[in-house]
Amino acid sequence: MEARRQAKARKPGAAVVASRAIGEVFITTGVLMLLFVSYQLWWTNVRAHAAADKEASSLQKDWASGKGAPGTFEPGQGFALLHIPKLDVVVPIAEGVSNKKVLDKGMVGHYSQGQLKTAMPDAKTGNFALAGHRNTHGEPFRYINRLSPGDPIIVETQDEYFVYKMTSTLPVTSPDNTSVIDPVPKGSGFTKPGRYITLTTCTPEFTSKYRLIVWGKMVEERPRSKGKPNALVQ
């Protein structure tokens, strides 16, 4: 009888069992959240960088062999390389701004469809507008807020280099403000048609509440046959 009484006394009560169960749930939830954060902040970048590097290598091989003839590009198709020397960024540019087909693969996307269609770099006038992730999935535009007026932004295609100089920025605007990619983008300081580039990304970091905009103006169009522009060899 005494042994049974002592055993019963050692048996945890309902409150203790419940608290242990709740604790285990919290621990499991914490581990799952940690795994999810690790996936978002680290693994998506690993996968996106690998995909972008593969696309860049494929583009360069096609250009060297003459296979990648200029023309109309399909959504998701890479057609150029973006260089931002100050940020040590070299990333493929693909047609369209689809997350699945372009942005989540670590590339930057050209606004090219419907009411958001913008010019290509070789157009006589127009605005070549690009979108890219600021965080996760390769985050090619994470530090574009660090660009200063005069910093070079280069678009490399099969036949030419298009060199732009950064001119201005819009730190915060609504995602619905599509006027920032107009042929003469509002808020940029440009007052007449020209050859412009626009970089767009989310802000603040790790949110998609607003958009950060960077503008530039073309200062040089250089055939690849003449070698790299100074901005890429300095």
C-alpha atoms as a PDB file:
ATOM      1  CA  MET A   1       0.000   0.000   0.000  1.00  0.00           C
ATOM      2  CA  GLU A   2       2.790   2.393   0.914  1.00  0.00           C
ATOM      3  CA  ALA A   3       4.611   1.648  -2.351  1.00  0.00           C
ATOM      4  CA  ARG A   4       1.482   2.373  -4.388  1.00  0.00           C
ATOM      5  CA  ARG A   5       0.943   5.603  -2.473  1.00  0.00           C
ATOM      6  CA  GLN A   6       4.497   6.779  -3.136  1.00  0.00           C
ATOM      7  CA  ALA A   7       4.234   5.865  -6.834  1.00  0.00           C
ATOM      8  CA  LYS A   8       1.011   7.813  -7.132  1.00  0.00           C
ATOM      9  CA  ALA A   9       2.616  10.797  -5.433  1.00  0.00           C
ATOM     10  CA  ARG A  10       5.488  10.740  -7.927  1.00  0.00           C
ATOM     11  CA  LYS A  11       3.069  10.665 -10.901  1.00  0.00           C
ATOM     12  CA  PRO A  12       2.844  14.173 -12.452  1.00  0.00           C
ATOM     13  CA  GLY A  13      -0.470  15.930 -12.206  1.00  0.00           C
ATOM     14  CA  ALA A  14      -2.622  17.075 -15.101  1.00  0.00           C
ATOM     15  CA  ALA A  15      -1.252  20.625 -14.903  1.00  0.00           C
ATOM     16  CA  VAL A  16       2.329  19.380 -15.182  1.00  0.00           C
ATOM     17  CA  VAL A  17       1.494  17.135 -18.142  1.00  0.00           C
ATOM     18  CA  ALA A  18      -0.294  20.004 -19.892  1.00  0.00           C
ATOM     19  CA  SER A  19       2.577  22.425 -19.318  1.00  0.00           C
ATOM     20  CA  ARG A  20       5.054  19.878 -20.692  1.00  0.00           C
ATOM     21  CA  ALA A  21       2.914  19.346 -23.789  1.00  0.00           C
ATOM     22  CA  ILE A  22       2.619  23.085 -24.358  1.00  0.00           C
ATOM     23  CA  GLY A  23       6.376  23.455 -23.932  1.00  0.00           C
ATOM     24  CA  GLU A  24       7.029  20.753 -26.527  1.00  0.00           C
ATOM     25  CA  VAL A  25       4.662  22.492 -28.961  1.00  0.00           C
ATOM     26  CA  PHE A  26       6.504  25.778 -28.463  1.00  0.00           C
ATOM     27  CA  ILE A  27       9.872  24.099 -29.013  1.00  0.00           C
ATOM     28  CA  THR A  28       8.670  22.358 -32.174  1.00  0.00           C
ATOM     29  CA  THR A  29       7.141  25.575 -33.484  1.00  0.00           C
ATOM     30  CA  GLY A  30      10.358  27.451 -32.754  1.00  0.00           C
ATOM     31  CA  VAL A  31      12.437  24.878 -34.618  1.00  0.00           C
ATOM     32  CA  LEU A  32      10.091  25.010 -37.618  1.00  0.00           C
ATOM     33  CA  MET A  33      10.206  28.803 -37.655  1.00  0.00           C
ATOM     34  CA  LEU A  34      14.002  28.732 -37.465  1.00  0.00           C
ATOM     35  CA  LEU A  35      14.132  26.308 -40.388  1.00  0.00           C
ATOM     36  CA  PHE A  36      11.762  28.498 -42.415  1.00  0.00           C
ATOM     37  CA  VAL A  37      13.809  31.642 -41.733  1.00  0.00           C
ATOM     38  CA  SER A  38      16.996  29.792 -42.671  1.00  0.00           C
ATOM     39  CA  TYR A  39      15.360  28.665 -45.889  1.00  0.00           C
ATOM     40  CA  GLN A  40      14.208  32.175 -46.767  1.00  0.00           C
ATOM     41  CA  LEU A  41      17.392  34.020 -45.847  1.00  0.00           C
ATOM     42  CA  TRP A  42      20.001  31.496 -46.916  1.00  0.00           C
ATOM     43  CA  TRP A  43      18.805  28.627 -49.068  1.00  0.00           C
ATOM     44  CA  THR A  44      16.745  30.747 -51.491  1.00  0.00           C
ATOM     45  CA  ASN A  45      19.886  32.807 -52.121  1.00  0.00           C
ATOM     46  CA  VAL A  46      21.979  29.692 -52.724  1.00  0.00           C
ATOM     47  CA  ARG A  47      19.493  28.344 -55.260  1.00  0.00           C
ATOM     48  CA  ALA A  48      18.942  31.712 -56.948  1.00  0.00           C
ATOM     49  CA  HIS A  49      22.664  32.436 -57.290  1.00  0.00           C
ATOM     50  CA  ALA A  50      23.194  29.023 -58.863  1.00  0.00           C
ATOM     51  CA  ALA A  51      20.343  29.573 -61.332  1.00  0.00           C
ATOM     52  CA  ALA A  52      21.524  33.104 -62.205  1.00  0.00           C
ATOM     53  CA  ASP A  53      25.131  31.969 -62.678  1.00  0.00           C
ATOM     54  CA  LYS A  54      23.950  29.186 -64.980  1.00  0.00           C
ATOM     55  CA  GLU A  55      21.893  31.630 -67.057  1.00  0.00           C
ATOM     56  CA  ALA A  56      24.781  34.111 -67.276  1.00  0.00           C
ATOM     57  CA  SER A  57      27.157  31.361 -68.412  1.00  0.00           C
ATOM     58  CA  SER A  58      24.634  30.164 -70.986  1.00  0.00           C
ATOM     59  CA  LEU A  59      24.191  33.689 -72.344  1.00  0.00           C
ATOM     60  CA  GLN A  60      27.910  34.239 -72.712  1.00  0.00           C
ATOM     61  CA  LYS A  61      28.380  30.908 -74.487  1.00  0.00           C
ATOM     62  CA  ASP A  62      25.546  31.700 -76.896  1.00  0.00           C
ATOM     63  CA  TRP A  63      27.007  35.124 -77.621  1.00  0.00           C
ATOM     64  CA  ALA A  64      30.471  33.685 -78.231  1.00  0.00           C
ATOM     65  CA  SER A  65      29.082  31.114 -80.661  1.00  0.00           C
ATOM     66  CA  GLY A  66      26.758  33.587 -82.390  1.00  0.00           C
ATOM     67  CA  LYS A  67      23.769  31.460 -81.414  1.00  0.00           C
ATOM     68  CA  GLY A  68      21.906  34.093 -79.415  1.00  0.00           C
ATOM     69  CA  ALA A  69      20.685  36.279 -82.249  1.00  0.00           C
ATOM     70  CA  PRO A  70      19.058  39.555 -81.173  1.00  0.00           C
ATOM     71  CA  GLY A  71      15.304  39.746 -81.514  1.00  0.00           C
ATOM     72  CA  THR A  72      12.090  39.329 -79.580  1.00  0.00           C
ATOM     73  CA  PHE A  73      12.461  37.425 -76.344  1.00  0.00           C
ATOM     74  CA  GLU A  74      10.029  35.088 -74.624  1.00  0.00           C
ATOM     75  CA  PRO A  75       8.871  35.730 -71.035  1.00  0.00           C
ATOM     76  CA  GLY A  76      11.512  34.371 -68.688  1.00  0.00           C
ATOM     77  CA  GLN A  77      14.230  34.335 -71.352  1.00  0.00           C
ATOM     78  CA  GLY A  78      17.556  35.921 -70.471  1.00  0.00           C
ATOM     79  CA  PHE A  79      18.913  38.387 -73.017  1.00  0.00           C
ATOM     80  CA  ALA A  80      21.444  40.680 -71.289  1.00  0.00           C
ATOM     81  CA  LEU A  81      23.689  41.147 -68.276  1.00  0.00           C
ATOM     82  CA  LEU A  82      23.411  43.977 -65.766  1.00  0.00           C
ATOM     83  CA  HIS A  83      26.630  45.271 -64.218  1.00  0.00           C
ATOM     84  CA  ILE A  84      26.674  47.575 -61.196  1.00  0.00           C
ATOM     85  CA  PRO A  85      30.412  47.836 -60.423  1.00  0.00           C
ATOM     86  CA  LYS A  86      30.040  49.779 -57.171  1.00  0.00           C
ATOM     87  CA  LEU A  87      27.911  46.979 -55.713  1.00  0.00           C
ATOM     88  CA  ASP A  88      29.855  44.125 -57.328  1.00  0.00           C
ATOM     89  CA  VAL A  89      26.645  43.019 -59.075  1.00  0.00           C
ATOM     90  CA  VAL A  90      26.628  41.031 -62.319  1.00  0.00           C
ATOM     91  CA  VAL A  91      23.227  39.485 -62.956  1.00  0.00           C
ATOM     92  CA  PRO A  92      21.238  38.270 -65.981  1.00  0.00           C
ATOM     93  CA  ILE A  93      18.342  40.337 -67.264  1.00  0.00           C
ATOM     94  CA  ALA A  94      15.310  38.350 -68.389  1.00  0.00           C
ATOM     95  CA  GLU A  95      12.108  39.309 -70.144  1.00  0.00           C
ATOM     96  CA  GLY A  96       9.174  39.960 -67.807  1.00  0.00           C
ATOM     97  CA  VAL A  97       8.892  40.473 -64.062  1.00  0.00           C
ATOM     98  CA  SER A  98       7.330  37.144 -63.076  1.00  0.00           C
ATOM     99  CA  ASN A  99       8.436  35.962 -59.648  1.00  0.00           C
ATOM    100  CA  LYS A 100       8.401  32.306 -60.656  1.00  0.00           C
ATOM    101  CA  LYS A 101      10.050  32.638 -64.057  1.00  0.00           C
ATOM    102  CA  VAL A 102      12.481  35.468 -63.387  1.00  0.00           C
ATOM    103  CA  LEU A 103      12.882  37.181 -60.011  1.00  0.00           C
ATOM    104  CA  ASP A 104      12.913  34.077 -57.797  1.00  0.00           C
ATOM    105  CA  LYS A 105      15.650  32.654 -60.034  1.00  0.00           C
ATOM    106  CA  GLY A 106      17.997  35.450 -58.994  1.00  0.00           C
ATOM    107  CA  MET A 107      17.633  37.427 -62.214  1.00  0.00           C
ATOM    108  CA  VAL A 108      16.321  40.930 -62.722  1.00  0.00           C
ATOM    109  CA  GLY A 109      13.297  41.367 -64.943  1.00  0.00           C
ATOM    110  CA  HIS A 110      12.504  43.794 -67.734  1.00  0.00           C
ATOM    111  CA  TYR A 111       9.068  45.414 -67.564  1.00  0.00           C
ATOM    112  CA  SER A 112       7.915  44.260 -70.982  1.00  0.00           C
ATOM    113  CA  GLN A 113       4.234  43.421 -70.975  1.00  0.00           C
ATOM    114  CA  GLY A 114       0.921  45.239 -71.226  1.00  0.00           C
ATOM    115  CA  GLN A 115       0.658  48.670 -69.661  1.00  0.00           C
ATOM    116  CA  LEU A 116       4.024  48.110 -67.951  1.00  0.00           C
ATOM    117  CA  LYS A 117       5.911  47.625 -71.205  1.00  0.00           C
ATOM    118  CA  THR A 118       9.099  49.690 -71.376  1.00  0.00           C
ATOM    119  CA  ALA A 119      11.774  50.279 -73.995  1.00  0.00           C
ATOM    120  CA  MET A 120      14.796  48.115 -74.731  1.00  0.00           C
ATOM    121  CA  PRO A 121      18.274  49.662 -74.318  1.00  0.00           C
ATOM    122  CA  ASP A 122      18.802  50.042 -78.072  1.00  0.00           C
ATOM    123  CA  ALA A 123      15.662  52.162 -78.542  1.00  0.00           C
ATOM    124  CA  LYS A 124      16.384  55.706 -79.730  1.00  0.00           C
ATOM    125  CA  THR A 125      14.386  57.063 -76.783  1.00  0.00           C
ATOM    126  CA  GLY A 126      12.667  55.397 -73.873  1.00  0.00           C
ATOM    127  CA  ASN A 127      13.019  54.018 -70.381  1.00  0.00           C
ATOM    128  CA  PHE A 128      14.555  50.563 -69.859  1.00  0.00           C
ATOM    129  CA  ALA A 129      12.911  49.577 -66.558  1.00  0.00           C
ATOM    130  CA  LEU A 130      13.995  46.633 -64.401  1.00  0.00           C
ATOM    131  CA  ALA A 131      12.751  44.928 -61.231  1.00  0.00           C
ATOM    132  CA  GLY A 132      14.750  42.809 -58.810  1.00  0.00           C
ATOM    133  CA  HIS A 133      14.488  41.331 -55.335  1.00  0.00           C
ATOM    134  CA  ARG A 134      15.995  43.291 -52.484  1.00  0.00           C
ATOM    135  CA  ASN A 135      16.020  40.365 -50.050  1.00  0.00           C
ATOM    136  CA  THR A 136      16.125  36.588 -50.579  1.00  0.00           C
ATOM    137  CA  HIS A 137      16.202  34.792 -53.948  1.00  0.00           C
ATOM    138  CA  GLY A 138      19.599  36.210 -54.845  1.00  0.00           C
ATOM    139  CA  GLU A 139      18.732  39.768 -53.713  1.00  0.00           C
ATOM    140  CA  PRO A 140      20.534  41.515 -56.642  1.00  0.00           C
ATOM    141  CA  PHE A 141      19.048  44.918 -55.738  1.00  0.00           C
ATOM    142  CA  ARG A 142      19.659  44.743 -51.987  1.00  0.00           C
ATOM    143  CA  TYR A 143      22.052  47.682 -51.913  1.00  0.00           C
ATOM    144  CA  ILE A 144      20.901  49.891 -54.785  1.00  0.00           C
ATOM    145  CA  ASN A 145      20.071  52.525 -52.157  1.00  0.00           C
ATOM    146  CA  ARG A 146      23.850  52.975 -51.835  1.00  0.00           C
ATOM    147  CA  LEU A 147      24.254  54.222 -55.406  1.00  0.00           C
ATOM    148  CA  SER A 148      25.214  57.863 -55.838  1.00  0.00           C
ATOM    149  CA  PRO A 149      24.837  60.245 -58.789  1.00  0.00           C
ATOM    150  CA  GLY A 150      27.470  59.428 -61.377  1.00  0.00           C
ATOM    151  CA  ASP A 151      27.834  55.749 -60.475  1.00  0.00           C
ATOM    152  CA  PRO A 152      27.865  53.602 -63.639  1.00  0.00           C
ATOM    153  CA  ILE A 153      25.174  51.052 -64.466  1.00  0.00           C
ATOM    154  CA  ILE A 154      25.994  48.936 -67.522  1.00  0.00           C
ATOM    155  CA  VAL A 155      23.760  46.726 -69.624  1.00  0.00           C
ATOM    156  CA  GLU A 156      25.680  44.195 -71.709  1.00  0.00           C
ATOM    157  CA  THR A 157      24.001  42.554 -74.706  1.00  0.00           C
ATOM    158  CA  GLN A 158      25.273  40.271 -77.444  1.00  0.00           C
ATOM    159  CA  ASP A 159      26.461  43.177 -79.590  1.00  0.00           C
ATOM    160  CA  GLU A 160      26.771  46.236 -77.362  1.00  0.00           C
ATOM    161  CA  TYR A 161      27.409  47.789 -73.988  1.00  0.00           C
ATOM    162  CA  PHE A 162      24.958  50.459 -72.833  1.00  0.00           C
ATOM    163  CA  VAL A 163      26.485  52.644 -70.134  1.00  0.00           C
ATOM    164  CA  TYR A 164      24.241  54.687 -67.848  1.00  0.00           C
ATOM    165  CA  LYS A 165      25.120  57.068 -65.059  1.00  0.00           C
ATOM    166  CA  MET A 166      22.943  57.033 -61.950  1.00  0.00           C
ATOM    167  CA  THR A 167      21.159  60.386 -61.632  1.00  0.00           C
ATOM    168  CA  SER A 168      18.509  60.265 -58.906  1.00  0.00           C
ATOM    169  CA  THR A 169      16.476  58.127 -56.556  1.00  0.00           C
ATOM    170  CA  LEU A 170      13.016  57.960 -55.025  1.00  0.00           C
ATOM    171  CA  PRO A 171      13.464  56.344 -51.572  1.00  0.00           C
ATOM    172  CA  VAL A 172       9.802  55.447 -51.033  1.00  0.00           C
ATOM    173  CA  THR A 173       6.759  55.225 -53.266  1.00  0.00           C
ATOM    174  CA  SER A 174       3.612  53.132 -53.603  1.00  0.00           C
ATOM    175  CA  PRO A 175       3.735  49.840 -55.533  1.00  0.00           C
ATOM    176  CA  ASP A 176       0.879  51.271 -57.610  1.00  0.00           C
ATOM    177  CA  ASN A 177       2.966  54.230 -58.775  1.00  0.00           C
ATOM    178  CA  THR A 178       3.720  52.991 -62.304  1.00  0.00           C
ATOM    179  CA  SER A 179       4.592  56.500 -63.490  1.00  0.00           C
ATOM    180  CA  VAL A 180       8.154  55.847 -62.280  1.00  0.00           C
ATOM    181  CA  ILE A 181       8.690  53.625 -65.342  1.00  0.00           C
ATOM    182  CA  ASP A 182       7.090  56.000 -67.847  1.00  0.00           C
ATOM    183  CA  PRO A 183       9.162  56.946 -70.931  1.00  0.00           C
ATOM    184  CA  VAL A 184       9.904  60.187 -69.100  1.00  0.00           C
ATOM    185  CA  PRO A 185       9.585  58.880 -65.513  1.00  0.00           C
ATOM    186  CA  LYS A 186       7.835  61.164 -63.054  1.00  0.00           C
ATOM    187  CA  GLY A 187       9.905  62.164 -60.067  1.00  0.00           C
ATOM    188  CA  SER A 188      13.184  61.419 -61.834  1.00  0.00           C
ATOM    189  CA  GLY A 189      14.058  64.996 -62.701  1.00  0.00           C
ATOM    190  CA  PHE A 190      14.020  64.186 -66.422  1.00  0.00           C
ATOM    191  CA  THR A 191      11.940  66.684 -68.376  1.00  0.00           C
ATOM    192  CA  LYS A 192      12.129  65.415 -71.956  1.00  0.00           C
ATOM    193  CA  PRO A 193      12.466  62.132 -73.866  1.00  0.00           C
ATOM    194  CA  GLY A 194      15.846  60.475 -73.598  1.00  0.00           C
ATOM    195  CA  ARG A 195      17.493  57.099 -73.018  1.00  0.00           C
ATOM    196  CA  TYR A 196      16.933  56.176 -69.404  1.00  0.00           C
ATOM    197  CA  ILE A 197      17.158  53.208 -67.045  1.00  0.00           C
ATOM    198  CA  THR A 198      15.008  52.550 -63.976  1.00  0.00           C
ATOM    199  CA  LEU A 199      15.735  50.059 -61.193  1.00  0.00           C
ATOM    200  CA  THR A 200      12.838  49.128 -58.902  1.00  0.00           C
ATOM    201  CA  THR A 201      12.791  47.036 -55.735  1.00  0.00           C
ATOM    202  CA  CYS A 202      10.914  46.615 -52.463  1.00  0.00           C
ATOM    203  CA  THR A 203      11.442  48.741 -49.380  1.00  0.00           C
ATOM    204  CA  PRO A 204      11.923  48.685 -46.405  1.00  0.00           C
ATOM    205  CA  GLU A 205      14.075  45.573 -46.397  1.00  0.00           C
ATOM    206  CA  PHE A 206      12.262  42.272 -45.805  1.00  0.00           C
ATOM    207  CA  THR A 207       8.918  43.823 -46.724  1.00  0.00           C
ATOM    208  CA  SER A 208       7.053  44.585 -49.934  1.00  0.00           C
ATOM    209  CA  LYS A 209       5.043  47.522 -48.603  1.00  0.00           C
ATOM    210  CA  TYR A 210       6.704  50.216 -50.726  1.00  0.00           C
ATOM    211  CA  ARG A 211       9.074  50.575 -53.670  1.00  0.00           C
ATOM    212  CA  LEU A 212      12.542  52.090 -53.931  1.00  0.00           C
ATOM    213  CA  ILE A 213      13.407  53.604 -57.315  1.00  0.00           C
ATOM    214  CA  VAL A 214      16.785  54.429 -58.888  1.00  0.00           C
ATOM    215  CA  TRP A 215      17.135  56.246 -62.217  1.00  0.00           C
ATOM    216  CA  GLY A 216      19.993  56.677 -64.650  1.00  0.00           C
ATOM    217  CA  LYS A 217      20.709  58.266 -68.017  1.00  0.00           C
ATOM    218  CA  MET A 218      22.604  56.666 -70.896  1.00  0.00           C
ATOM    219  CA  VAL A 219      25.997  58.241 -71.542  1.00  0.00           C
ATOM    220  CA  GLU A 220      27.587  55.727 -73.907  1.00  0.00           C
ATOM    221  CA  GLU A 221      26.577  53.058 -76.423  1.00  0.00           C
ATOM    222  CA  ARG A 222      29.628  50.959 -77.186  1.00  0.00           C
ATOM    223  CA  PRO A 223      29.904  48.058 -79.659  1.00  0.00           C
ATOM    224  CA  ARG A 224      31.408  44.943 -78.093  1.00  0.00           C
ATOM    225  CA  SER A 225      33.933  44.899 -80.923  1.00  0.00           C
ATOM    226  CA  LYS A 226      35.576  47.968 -79.318  1.00  0.00           C
ATOM    227  CA  GLY A 227      36.079  46.184 -76.004  1.00  0.00           C
ATOM    228  CA  LYS A 228      34.685  46.838 -72.559  1.00  0.00           C
ATOM    229  CA  PRO A 229      33.740  50.363 -71.469  1.00  0.00           C
ATOM    230  CA  ASN A 230      35.998  52.086 -68.975  1.00  0.00           C
ATOM    231  CA  ALA A 231      33.484  51.512 -66.190  1.00  0.00           C
ATOM    232  CA  LEU A 232      34.129  47.741 -66.437  1.00  0.00           C
ATOM    233  CA  VAL A 233      37.927  47.844 -66.670  1.00  0.00           C
ATOM    234  CA  GLN A 234      38.789  50.380 -63.961  1.00  0.00           C
END
